[in-house]
All heavy atoms as atom14 arrays in JSON, in Angstrom:
{
  "sequence": "QEWIDGLDEWPSTEDTTARRDRELLRVRSRDVLEHIERVLGHV",
  "atom14_mask": [
    [1, 1, 1, 1, 1, 1, 1, 1, 1, 0, 0, 0, 0, 0],
    [1, 1, 1, 1, 1, 1, 1, 1, 1, 0, 0, 0, 0, 0],
    [1, 1, 1, 1, 1, 1, 1, 1, 1, 1, 1, 1, 1, 1],
    [1, 1, 1, 1, 1, 1, 1, 1, 0, 0, 0, 0, 0, 0],
    [1, 1, 1, 1, 1, 1, 1, 1, 0, 0, 0, 0, 0, 0],
    [1, 1, 1, 1, 0, 0, 0, 0, 0, 0, 0, 0, 0, 0],
    [1, 1, 1, 1, 1, 1, 1, 1, 0, 0, 0, 0, 0, 0],
    [1, 1, 1, 1, 1, 1, 1, 1, 0, 0, 0, 0, 0, 0],
    [1, 1, 1, 1, 1, 1, 1, 1, 1, 0, 0, 0, 0, 0],
    [1, 1, 1, 1, 1, 1, 1, 1, 1, 1, 1, 1, 1, 1],
    [1, 1, 1, 1, 1, 1, 1, 0, 0, 0, 0, 0, 0, 0],
    [1, 1, 1, 1, 1, 1, 0, 0, 0, 0, 0, 0, 0, 0],
    [1, 1, 1, 1, 1, 1, 1, 0, 0, 0, 0, 0, 0, 0],
    [1, 1, 1, 1, 1, 1, 1, 1, 1, 0, 0, 0, 0, 0],
    [1, 1, 1, 1, 1, 1, 1, 1, 0, 0, 0, 0, 0, 0],
    [1, 1, 1, 1, 1, 1, 1, 0, 0, 0, 0, 0, 0, 0],
    [1, 1, 1, 1, 1, 1, 1, 0, 0, 0, 0, 0, 0, 0],
    [1, 1, 1, 1, 1, 0, 0, 0, 0, 0, 0, 0, 0, 0],
    [1, 1, 1, 1, 1, 1, 1, 1, 1, 1, 1, 0, 0, 0],
    [1, 1, 1, 1, 1, 1, 1, 1, 1, 1, 1, 0, 0, 0],
    [1, 1, 1, 1, 1, 1, 1, 1, 0, 0, 0, 0, 0, 0],
    [1, 1, 1, 1, 1, 1, 1, 1, 1, 1, 1, 0, 0, 0],
    [1, 1, 1, 1, 1, 1, 1, 1, 1, 0, 0, 0, 0, 0],
    [1, 1, 1, 1, 1, 1, 1, 1, 0, 0, 0, 0, 0, 0],
    [1, 1, 1, 1, 1, 1, 1, 1, 0, 0, 0, 0, 0, 0],
    [1, 1, 1, 1, 1, 1, 1, 1, 1, 1, 1, 0, 0, 0],
    [1, 1, 1, 1, 1, 1, 1, 0, 0, 0, 0, 0, 0, 0],
    [1, 1, 1, 1, 1, 1, 1, 1, 1, 1, 1, 0, 0, 0],
    [1, 1, 1, 1, 1, 1, 0, 0, 0, 0, 0, 0, 0, 0],
    [1, 1, 1, 1, 1, 1, 1, 1, 1, 1, 1, 0, 0, 0],
    [1, 1, 1, 1, 1, 1, 1, 1, 0, 0, 0, 0, 0, 0],
    [1, 1, 1, 1, 1, 1, 1, 0, 0, 0, 0, 0, 0, 0],
    [1, 1, 1, 1, 1, 1, 1, 1, 0, 0, 0, 0, 0, 0],
    [1, 1, 1, 1, 1, 1, 1, 1, 1, 0, 0, 0, 0, 0],
    [1, 1, 1, 1, 1, 1, 1, 1, 1, 1, 0, 0, 0, 0],
    [1, 1, 1, 1, 1, 1, 1, 1, 0, 0, 0, 0, 0, 0],
    [1, 1, 1, 1, 1, 1, 1, 1, 1, 0, 0, 0, 0, 0],
    [1, 1, 1, 1, 1, 1, 1, 1, 1, 1, 1, 0, 0, 0],
    [1, 1, 1, 1, 1, 1, 1, 0, 0, 0, 0, 0, 0, 0],
    [1, 1, 1, 1, 1, 1, 1, 1, 0, 0, 0, 0, 0, 0],
    [1, 1, 1, 1, 0, 0, 0, 0, 0, 0, 0, 0, 0, 0],
    [1, 1, 1, 1, 1, 1, 1, 1, 1, 1, 0, 0, 0, 0],
    [1, 1, 1, 1, 1, 1, 1, 0, 0, 0, 0, 0, 0, 0]
  ],
  "atom14_positions": [
    [[161.28, -69.04, -91.61], [162.44, -68.27, -92.13], [162.69, -68.52, -93.65], [163.1, -67.7, -94.41], [163.68, -68.65, -91.37], [165.0, -67.83, -91.64], [164.77, -66.36, -91.38], [164.41, -65.91, -90.31], [164.94, -65.58, -92.51], [0.0, 0.0, 0.0], [0.0, 0.0, 0.0], [0.0, 0.0, 0.0], [0.0, 0.0, 0.0], [0.0, 0.0, 0.0]],
    [[162.59, -69.77, -94.06], [162.68, -70.14, -95.51], [161.59, -69.39, -96.29], [161.87, -68.92, -97.41], [162.72, -71.63, -95.64], [163.93, -72.34, -95.21], [163.76, -73.76, -95.37], [162.87, -74.28, -96.03], [164.62, -74.56, -94.83], [0.0, 0.0, 0.0], [0.0, 0.0, 0.0], [0.0, 0.0, 0.0], [0.0, 0.0, 0.0], [0.0, 0.0, 0.0]],
    [[160.4, -69.33, -95.71], [159.39, -68.58, -96.43], [159.66, -67.14, -96.65], [159.46, -66.52, -97.69], [157.96, -68.71, -95.63], [156.96, -67.65, -95.91], [156.73, -66.6, -95.22], [156.12, -67.65, -97.08], [155.79, -65.78, -95.76], [155.3, -66.44, -96.89], [155.88, -68.46, -98.08], [154.33, -66.11, -97.82], [154.83, -68.12, -99.01], [154.1, -66.92, -98.85]],
    [[160.29, -66.53, -95.48], [160.61, -65.1, -95.58], [161.78, -64.94, -96.64], [161.75, -63.92, -97.48], [161.09, -64.6, -94.23], [159.94, -64.62, -93.3], [161.69, -63.22, -94.36], [160.27, -64.24, -91.85], [0.0, 0.0, 0.0], [0.0, 0.0, 0.0], [0.0, 0.0, 0.0], [0.0, 0.0, 0.0], [0.0, 0.0, 0.0], [0.0, 0.0, 0.0]],
    [[162.73, -65.79, -96.68], [163.8, -65.77, -97.69], [163.18, -65.96, -99.07], [163.69, -65.32, -100.06], [164.81, -66.86, -97.44], [165.56, -66.66, -96.08], [165.53, -65.53, -95.7], [166.16, -67.63, -95.6], [0.0, 0.0, 0.0], [0.0, 0.0, 0.0], [0.0, 0.0, 0.0], [0.0, 0.0, 0.0], [0.0, 0.0, 0.0], [0.0, 0.0, 0.0]],
    [[162.15, -66.83, -99.24], [161.49, -67.01, -100.5], [160.75, -65.76, -101.06], [160.72, -65.47, -102.21], [0.0, 0.0, 0.0], [0.0, 0.0, 0.0], [0.0, 0.0, 0.0], [0.0, 0.0, 0.0], [0.0, 0.0, 0.0], [0.0, 0.0, 0.0], [0.0, 0.0, 0.0], [0.0, 0.0, 0.0], [0.0, 0.0, 0.0], [0.0, 0.0, 0.0]],
    [[160.28, -64.92, -100.07], [159.58, -63.7, -100.42], [160.53, -62.75, -101.16], [160.17, -62.01, -102.12], [158.98, -63.05, -99.23], [157.75, -63.57, -98.64], [157.33, -62.7, -97.38], [156.53, -63.55, -99.6], [0.0, 0.0, 0.0], [0.0, 0.0, 0.0], [0.0, 0.0, 0.0], [0.0, 0.0, 0.0], [0.0, 0.0, 0.0], [0.0, 0.0, 0.0]],
    [[161.76, -62.71, -100.67], [162.84, -61.86, -101.34], [163.13, -62.28, -102.76], [163.66, -61.37, -103.55], [163.99, -61.8, -100.49], [163.78, -61.22, -99.1], [162.86, -60.44, -98.96], [164.51, -61.61, -98.16], [0.0, 0.0, 0.0], [0.0, 0.0, 0.0], [0.0, 0.0, 0.0], [0.0, 0.0, 0.0], [0.0, 0.0, 0.0], [0.0, 0.0, 0.0]],
    [[162.83, -63.48, -103.15], [163.12, -64.07, -104.44], [161.97, -63.93, -105.43], [162.1, -64.27, -106.54], [163.61, -65.48, -104.36], [164.87, -65.69, -103.6], [165.2, -67.08, -103.45], [164.52, -67.95, -104.08], [166.23, -67.37, -102.83], [0.0, 0.0, 0.0], [0.0, 0.0, 0.0], [0.0, 0.0, 0.0], [0.0, 0.0, 0.0], [0.0, 0.0, 0.0]],
    [[160.86, -63.46, -104.89], [159.72, -63.16, -105.83], [160.04, -62.13, -106.85], [160.76, -61.17, -106.55], [158.43, -62.73, -105.01], [157.8, -63.82, -104.27], [158.23, -65.11, -104.0], [156.48, -63.84, -103.68], [157.39, -65.78, -103.28], [156.27, -64.98, -103.02], [155.57, -62.79, -103.55], [155.07, -65.26, -102.32], [154.35, -63.12, -102.87], [154.12, -64.41, -102.21]],
    [[159.56, -62.25, -108.12], [159.89, -61.28, -109.15], [159.33, -59.91, -108.69], [158.28, -59.69, -108.18], [159.07, -61.75, -110.28], [158.87, -63.23, -110.06], [158.7, -63.37, -108.6], [0.0, 0.0, 0.0], [0.0, 0.0, 0.0], [0.0, 0.0, 0.0], [0.0, 0.0, 0.0], [0.0, 0.0, 0.0], [0.0, 0.0, 0.0], [0.0, 0.0, 0.0]],
    [[160.19, -58.93, -109.08], [159.88, -57.63, -108.7], [158.74, -57.07, -109.57], [158.46, -57.57, -110.67], [161.06, -56.62, -108.87], [161.53, -56.64, -110.18], [0.0, 0.0, 0.0], [0.0, 0.0, 0.0], [0.0, 0.0, 0.0], [0.0, 0.0, 0.0], [0.0, 0.0, 0.0], [0.0, 0.0, 0.0], [0.0, 0.0, 0.0], [0.0, 0.0, 0.0]],
    [[157.92, -56.1, -109.07], [156.89, -55.54, -109.76], [156.82, -54.03, -109.59], [157.3, -53.44, -108.64], [155.48, -56.12, -109.28], [154.41, -55.47, -109.91], [155.39, -55.88, -107.75], [0.0, 0.0, 0.0], [0.0, 0.0, 0.0], [0.0, 0.0, 0.0], [0.0, 0.0, 0.0], [0.0, 0.0, 0.0], [0.0, 0.0, 0.0], [0.0, 0.0, 0.0]],
    [[156.28, -53.32, -110.64], [156.09, -51.92, -110.66], [154.77, -51.42, -110.07], [154.61, -50.3, -109.86], [156.33, -51.33, -111.98], [157.7, -51.6, -112.63], [158.82, -51.0, -111.85], [158.55, -49.95, -111.17], [159.92, -51.54, -111.73], [0.0, 0.0, 0.0], [0.0, 0.0, 0.0], [0.0, 0.0, 0.0], [0.0, 0.0, 0.0], [0.0, 0.0, 0.0]],
    [[153.75, -52.36, -109.92], [152.49, -52.11, -109.31], [152.72, -51.6, -107.91], [153.17, -52.38, -107.03], [151.62, -53.26, -109.48], [150.23, -52.89, -109.14], [150.0, -51.71, -108.71], [149.34, -53.79, -109.26], [0.0, 0.0, 0.0], [0.0, 0.0, 0.0], [0.0, 0.0, 0.0], [0.0, 0.0, 0.0], [0.0, 0.0, 0.0], [0.0, 0.0, 0.0]],
    [[152.18, -50.4, -107.61], [152.36, -49.94, -106.18], [151.53, -50.67, -105.21], [152.03, -51.01, -104.15], [151.89, -48.41, -106.24], [152.64, -47.69, -107.12], [152.14, -47.89, -104.75], [0.0, 0.0, 0.0], [0.0, 0.0, 0.0], [0.0, 0.0, 0.0], [0.0, 0.0, 0.0], [0.0, 0.0, 0.0], [0.0, 0.0, 0.0], [0.0, 0.0, 0.0]],
    [[150.36, -51.1, -105.59], [149.49, -51.87, -104.68], [150.09, -53.17, -104.47], [150.19, -53.71, -103.29], [148.09, -52.05, -105.28], [147.56, -50.72, -105.51], [147.23, -52.91, -104.35], [0.0, 0.0, 0.0], [0.0, 0.0, 0.0], [0.0, 0.0, 0.0], [0.0, 0.0, 0.0], [0.0, 0.0, 0.0], [0.0, 0.0, 0.0], [0.0, 0.0, 0.0]],
    [[150.63, -53.91, -105.5], [151.35, -55.16, -105.35], [152.53, -55.06, -104.48], [152.82, -55.86, -103.59], [151.66, -55.76, -106.62], [0.0, 0.0, 0.0], [0.0, 0.0, 0.0], [0.0, 0.0, 0.0], [0.0, 0.0, 0.0], [0.0, 0.0, 0.0], [0.0, 0.0, 0.0], [0.0, 0.0, 0.0], [0.0, 0.0, 0.0], [0.0, 0.0, 0.0]],
    [[153.23, -54.01, -104.56], [154.5, -53.78, -103.78], [154.12, -53.6, -102.37], [154.85, -54.09, -101.35], [155.31, -52.66, -104.33], [155.98, -52.92, -105.71], [156.66, -51.65, -106.27], [157.65, -51.13, -105.38], [158.29, -49.99, -105.57], [157.96, -49.26, -106.73], [159.3, -49.66, -104.73], [0.0, 0.0, 0.0], [0.0, 0.0, 0.0], [0.0, 0.0, 0.0]],
    [[152.99, -52.84, -102.12], [152.63, -52.59, -100.74], [152.09, -53.95, -100.12], [152.39, -54.2, -98.95], [151.46, -51.51, -100.71], [150.99, -51.26, -99.35], [149.82, -50.22, -99.39], [149.21, -49.96, -98.13], [148.15, -50.66, -97.62], [147.68, -51.67, -98.31], [147.72, -50.43, -96.44], [0.0, 0.0, 0.0], [0.0, 0.0, 0.0], [0.0, 0.0, 0.0]],
    [[151.33, -54.72, -100.87], [150.87, -55.96, -100.23], [152.01, -56.89, -100.04], [152.02, -57.67, -99.02], [149.89, -56.69, -101.29], [148.6, -55.87, -101.44], [148.27, -55.12, -100.5], [147.87, -56.16, -102.54], [0.0, 0.0, 0.0], [0.0, 0.0, 0.0], [0.0, 0.0, 0.0], [0.0, 0.0, 0.0], [0.0, 0.0, 0.0], [0.0, 0.0, 0.0]],
    [[153.03, -56.92, -100.82], [154.22, -57.8, -100.59], [154.93, -57.33, -99.35], [155.37, -58.13, -98.59], [155.11, -57.78, -101.78], [156.26, -58.77, -101.73], [157.0, -58.82, -103.09], [156.16, -59.2, -104.08], [156.44, -59.38, -105.44], [157.82, -59.24, -105.69], [155.7, -59.75, -106.32], [0.0, 0.0, 0.0], [0.0, 0.0, 0.0], [0.0, 0.0, 0.0]],
    [[154.97, -55.96, -99.17], [155.67, -55.52, -97.93], [154.91, -55.92, -96.65], [155.42, -56.16, -95.61], [155.88, -53.97, -98.01], [156.73, -53.35, -96.98], [158.15, -53.91, -96.93], [158.73, -54.24, -97.98], [158.74, -54.09, -95.81], [0.0, 0.0, 0.0], [0.0, 0.0, 0.0], [0.0, 0.0, 0.0], [0.0, 0.0, 0.0], [0.0, 0.0, 0.0]],
    [[153.55, -55.84, -96.81], [152.72, -56.27, -95.62], [152.92, -57.7, -95.36], [152.88, -58.09, -94.23], [151.28, -55.95, -95.95], [150.89, -54.5, -96.01], [149.33, -54.34, -96.38], [151.12, -53.85, -94.57], [0.0, 0.0, 0.0], [0.0, 0.0, 0.0], [0.0, 0.0, 0.0], [0.0, 0.0, 0.0], [0.0, 0.0, 0.0], [0.0, 0.0, 0.0]],
    [[153.13, -58.51, -96.38], [153.4, -59.92, -96.21], [154.66, -60.11, -95.43], [154.79, -60.97, -94.58], [153.54, -60.67, -97.54], [152.32, -60.96, -98.29], [152.5, -61.72, -99.61], [151.38, -61.86, -97.39], [0.0, 0.0, 0.0], [0.0, 0.0, 0.0], [0.0, 0.0, 0.0], [0.0, 0.0, 0.0], [0.0, 0.0, 0.0], [0.0, 0.0, 0.0]],
    [[155.72, -59.32, -95.72], [157.0, -59.45, -95.08], [156.85, -59.03, -93.51], [157.36, -59.7, -92.69], [158.04, -58.5, -95.58], [158.46, -58.93, -96.99], [159.7, -58.15, -97.51], [160.16, -58.58, -98.86], [159.8, -57.95, -99.91], [158.99, -56.95, -99.91], [160.33, -58.44, -101.08], [0.0, 0.0, 0.0], [0.0, 0.0, 0.0], [0.0, 0.0, 0.0]],
    [[156.05, -58.02, -93.34], [155.74, -57.55, -91.92], [155.02, -58.64, -91.15], [155.44, -58.93, -90.01], [154.93, -56.24, -91.89], [154.53, -55.88, -90.55], [155.83, -55.12, -92.54], [0.0, 0.0, 0.0], [0.0, 0.0, 0.0], [0.0, 0.0, 0.0], [0.0, 0.0, 0.0], [0.0, 0.0, 0.0], [0.0, 0.0, 0.0], [0.0, 0.0, 0.0]],
    [[153.94, -59.28, -91.73], [153.24, -60.21, -91.11], [154.13, -61.54, -90.95], [154.01, -62.17, -89.9], [152.01, -60.63, -91.91], [150.97, -61.45, -91.1], [149.8, -61.68, -91.95], [148.94, -60.44, -92.14], [148.02, -60.07, -91.29], [147.91, -60.64, -90.12], [147.45, -58.89, -91.5], [0.0, 0.0, 0.0], [0.0, 0.0, 0.0], [0.0, 0.0, 0.0]],
    [[154.98, -61.78, -91.92], [155.84, -63.05, -91.67], [156.8, -62.8, -90.63], [157.01, -63.72, -89.78], [156.6, -63.21, -93.04], [155.75, -63.42, -94.09], [0.0, 0.0, 0.0], [0.0, 0.0, 0.0], [0.0, 0.0, 0.0], [0.0, 0.0, 0.0], [0.0, 0.0, 0.0], [0.0, 0.0, 0.0], [0.0, 0.0, 0.0], [0.0, 0.0, 0.0]],
    [[157.33, -61.65, -90.43], [158.26, -61.39, -89.34], [157.55, -61.4, -88.0], [158.05, -61.82, -86.98], [158.92, -59.98, -89.46], [159.96, -59.92, -90.62], [160.8, -58.69, -90.56], [160.1, -57.48, -90.78], [159.88, -56.93, -91.94], [160.48, -57.48, -93.04], [159.13, -55.82, -92.1], [0.0, 0.0, 0.0], [0.0, 0.0, 0.0], [0.0, 0.0, 0.0]],
    [[156.3, -60.98, -87.98], [155.45, -61.07, -86.77], [155.21, -62.55, -86.41], [155.34, -62.9, -85.22], [154.13, -60.32, -86.97], [153.27, -60.36, -85.71], [153.65, -59.78, -84.72], [152.26, -60.99, -85.76], [0.0, 0.0, 0.0], [0.0, 0.0, 0.0], [0.0, 0.0, 0.0], [0.0, 0.0, 0.0], [0.0, 0.0, 0.0], [0.0, 0.0, 0.0]],
    [[154.95, -63.39, -87.37], [154.79, -64.82, -87.09], [156.07, -65.4, -86.59], [156.04, -66.21, -85.51], [154.28, -65.55, -88.34], [154.3, -67.09, -88.1], [152.94, -65.14, -88.79], [0.0, 0.0, 0.0], [0.0, 0.0, 0.0], [0.0, 0.0, 0.0], [0.0, 0.0, 0.0], [0.0, 0.0, 0.0], [0.0, 0.0, 0.0], [0.0, 0.0, 0.0]],
    [[157.16, -65.01, -87.16], [158.49, -65.52, -86.75], [158.75, -65.11, -85.27], [159.28, -65.9, -84.45], [159.52, -65.02, -87.61], [160.99, -65.59, -87.36], [161.08, -67.13, -87.59], [162.0, -64.97, -88.27], [0.0, 0.0, 0.0], [0.0, 0.0, 0.0], [0.0, 0.0, 0.0], [0.0, 0.0, 0.0], [0.0, 0.0, 0.0], [0.0, 0.0, 0.0]],
    [[158.41, -63.89, -84.96], [158.63, -63.41, -83.61], [157.74, -64.17, -82.59], [158.23, -64.47, -81.41], [158.29, -61.96, -83.54], [158.63, -61.23, -82.19], [157.54, -61.25, -81.22], [156.3, -61.45, -81.64], [157.8, -61.22, -79.98], [0.0, 0.0, 0.0], [0.0, 0.0, 0.0], [0.0, 0.0, 0.0], [0.0, 0.0, 0.0], [0.0, 0.0, 0.0]],
    [[156.53, -64.5, -82.98], [155.74, -65.27, -82.09], [156.27, -66.75, -81.91], [156.26, -67.26, -80.82], [154.29, -65.44, -82.63], [153.49, -64.09, -82.46], [152.13, -64.04, -82.69], [153.97, -62.86, -82.19], [151.75, -62.78, -82.47], [152.75, -62.06, -82.17], [0.0, 0.0, 0.0], [0.0, 0.0, 0.0], [0.0, 0.0, 0.0], [0.0, 0.0, 0.0]],
    [[156.86, -67.28, -82.99], [157.43, -68.54, -82.84], [158.64, -68.45, -81.87], [158.85, -69.48, -81.13], [157.83, -69.21, -84.31], [156.52, -69.39, -85.07], [158.65, -70.39, -84.11], [156.82, -69.74, -86.5], [0.0, 0.0, 0.0], [0.0, 0.0, 0.0], [0.0, 0.0, 0.0], [0.0, 0.0, 0.0], [0.0, 0.0, 0.0], [0.0, 0.0, 0.0]],
    [[159.37, -67.45, -82.04], [160.61, -67.29, -81.08], [160.13, -67.23, -79.69], [160.72, -67.73, -78.82], [161.3, -65.96, -81.53], [162.02, -65.99, -82.83], [163.28, -66.8, -82.85], [163.64, -67.36, -81.78], [163.91, -67.06, -83.88], [0.0, 0.0, 0.0], [0.0, 0.0, 0.0], [0.0, 0.0, 0.0], [0.0, 0.0, 0.0], [0.0, 0.0, 0.0]],
    [[158.98, -66.62, -79.47], [158.45, -66.52, -78.03], [158.03, -67.94, -77.58], [158.34, -68.3, -76.41], [157.22, -65.63, -78.03], [157.59, -64.11, -78.23], [156.35, -63.27, -78.37], [155.38, -63.53, -77.3], [154.14, -63.02, -77.31], [153.72, -62.27, -78.4], [153.36, -63.27, -76.3], [0.0, 0.0, 0.0], [0.0, 0.0, 0.0], [0.0, 0.0, 0.0]],
    [[157.34, -68.72, -78.4], [157.08, -70.07, -78.02], [158.34, -70.92, -77.79], [158.35, -71.59, -76.78], [156.17, -70.75, -79.15], [155.95, -72.22, -78.88], [154.85, -69.98, -79.24], [0.0, 0.0, 0.0], [0.0, 0.0, 0.0], [0.0, 0.0, 0.0], [0.0, 0.0, 0.0], [0.0, 0.0, 0.0], [0.0, 0.0, 0.0], [0.0, 0.0, 0.0]],
    [[159.27, -70.76, -78.66], [160.56, -71.47, -78.49], [161.17, -71.15, -77.29], [161.75, -71.94, -76.52], [161.5, -71.29, -79.7], [162.84, -72.04, -79.7], [162.61, -73.51, -79.58], [163.55, -71.72, -80.92], [0.0, 0.0, 0.0], [0.0, 0.0, 0.0], [0.0, 0.0, 0.0], [0.0, 0.0, 0.0], [0.0, 0.0, 0.0], [0.0, 0.0, 0.0]],
    [[161.24, -69.85, -76.93], [161.83, -69.34, -75.68], [161.14, -69.86, -74.5], [161.74, -70.25, -73.44], [0.0, 0.0, 0.0], [0.0, 0.0, 0.0], [0.0, 0.0, 0.0], [0.0, 0.0, 0.0], [0.0, 0.0, 0.0], [0.0, 0.0, 0.0], [0.0, 0.0, 0.0], [0.0, 0.0, 0.0], [0.0, 0.0, 0.0], [0.0, 0.0, 0.0]],
    [[159.82, -69.96, -74.48], [159.04, -70.49, -73.34], [159.26, -71.9, -73.18], [159.46, -72.36, -72.05], [157.57, -70.25, -73.52], [156.69, -70.63, -72.52], [155.87, -71.81, -72.53], [156.55, -70.26, -71.2], [155.37, -72.06, -71.5], [155.63, -71.1, -70.63], [0.0, 0.0, 0.0], [0.0, 0.0, 0.0], [0.0, 0.0, 0.0], [0.0, 0.0, 0.0]],
    [[159.26, -72.71, -74.24], [159.58, -74.14, -74.19], [160.99, -74.31, -73.57], [161.13, -75.18, -72.72], [159.46, -74.85, -75.57], [159.9, -76.26, -75.42], [157.97, -74.75, -75.92], [0.0, 0.0, 0.0], [0.0, 0.0, 0.0], [0.0, 0.0, 0.0], [0.0, 0.0, 0.0], [0.0, 0.0, 0.0], [0.0, 0.0, 0.0], [0.0, 0.0, 0.0]]
  ]
}
């Protein structure tokens, strides 16, 4: 969660490819967080 919050503080960029890659990082980070939630729920 702190990593996800840190992504929001990265400097903004006008490069379309960089913005797309950063958005994919957010999506993948949320997916990792959801998997951790599943593990925590199972435990």
